[in-house]
Amino acid sequence: MDSSPELQRFLEQEKQKAMVSEMVGKLTSECWDKCITGTPGSKFSSSESSCLTNCAQRYMELSMHIMKKFQSMQH
């Protein structure tokens, strides 16, 4: 199979996007399972809201770290 450098870069970028998407799904599920202990009502309790906020913040920090790592690998 004749693979051009452009195709290789595209495939690597798509692979990285898939990994990030998988991570988003996994962390979203984990935050929900960790923070939402009962049947959700019309709004979250203060403890659920705080837990989700902290979990999401950790997720964003991790995502930024991963994006920086991918960017450094591409240069």
Protein backbone atom coordinates (compact mmCIF):
# COMPACT_ATOMS: atom_id res chain seq x y z
CA MET A 1 0.00 0.00 0.00
CA ASP A 2 1.43 3.34 -1.08
CA SER A 3 0.98 5.76 1.82
CA SER A 4 1.85 9.38 1.36
CA PRO A 5 3.16 11.42 4.31
CA GLU A 6 -0.06 13.47 4.21
CA LEU A 7 -2.16 10.31 4.53
CA GLN A 8 0.00 9.07 7.40
CA ARG A 9 -0.42 12.42 9.24
CA PHE A 10 -4.18 12.35 8.63
CA LEU A 11 -4.46 8.79 9.96
CA GLU A 12 -2.39 9.65 13.03
CA GLN A 13 -4.56 12.70 13.73
CA GLU A 14 -7.73 10.61 13.38
CA LYS A 15 -6.29 8.01 15.73
CA GLN A 16 -5.54 10.72 18.28
CA LYS A 17 -9.06 12.17 17.91
CA ALA A 18 -10.53 8.72 18.51
CA MET A 19 -8.41 8.29 21.64
CA VAL A 20 -9.55 11.67 22.98
CA SER A 21 -13.19 10.87 22.20
CA GLU A 22 -12.89 7.56 24.01
CA MET A 23 -11.32 9.33 26.99
CA VAL A 24 -14.15 11.91 27.06
CA GLY A 25 -16.75 9.16 27.11
CA LYS A 26 -14.95 7.21 29.79
CA LEU A 27 -14.37 10.23 32.05
CA THR A 28 -17.92 11.51 31.58
CA SER A 29 -19.23 8.12 32.61
CA GLU A 30 -16.84 7.94 35.57
CA CYS A 31 -17.78 11.44 36.79
CA TRP A 32 -21.47 10.59 36.53
CA ASP A 33 -21.03 7.27 38.34
CA LYS A 34 -18.86 8.87 41.02
CA CYS A 35 -20.97 11.96 41.65
CA ILE A 36 -24.60 11.02 40.99
CA THR A 37 -25.51 8.56 43.70
CA GLY A 38 -29.28 8.44 43.37
CA THR A 39 -31.91 8.98 40.74
CA PRO A 40 -31.33 12.44 39.27
CA GLY A 41 -34.12 14.91 39.93
CA SER A 42 -34.83 18.18 38.20
CA LYS A 43 -31.53 19.56 39.50
CA PHE A 44 -28.36 18.30 41.16
CA SER A 45 -27.82 18.53 44.90
CA SER A 46 -25.06 20.87 46.07
CA SER A 47 -22.75 17.92 46.77
CA GLU A 48 -23.44 16.40 43.34
CA SER A 49 -22.88 19.74 41.67
CA SER A 50 -19.61 20.28 43.54
CA CYS A 51 -18.43 16.77 42.72
CA LEU A 52 -19.27 17.15 39.02
CA THR A 53 -17.51 20.54 38.91
CA ASN A 54 -14.35 19.13 40.50
CA CYS A 55 -14.42 16.06 38.29
CA ALA A 56 -14.91 18.16 35.14
CA GLN A 57 -12.11 20.50 36.18
CA ARG A 58 -9.71 17.59 36.62
CA TYR A 59 -10.85 16.27 33.24
CA MET A 60 -10.15 19.64 31.56
CA GLU A 61 -6.69 19.82 33.13
CA LEU A 62 -5.95 16.31 31.92
CA SER A 63 -7.29 17.09 28.44
CA MET A 64 -5.07 20.18 28.17
CA HIS A 65 -2.06 18.14 29.25
CA ILE A 66 -2.82 15.47 26.64
CA MET A 67 -3.36 18.06 23.88
CA LYS A 68 0.00 19.67 24.68
CA LYS A 69 1.64 16.26 24.59
CA PHE A 70 0.13 15.48 21.16
CA GLN A 71 1.17 18.88 19.84
CA SER A 72 4.75 18.41 21.03
CA MET A 73 4.83 15.00 19.32
CA GLN A 74 3.78 16.52 15.99
CA HIS A 75 6.61 19.08 15.91
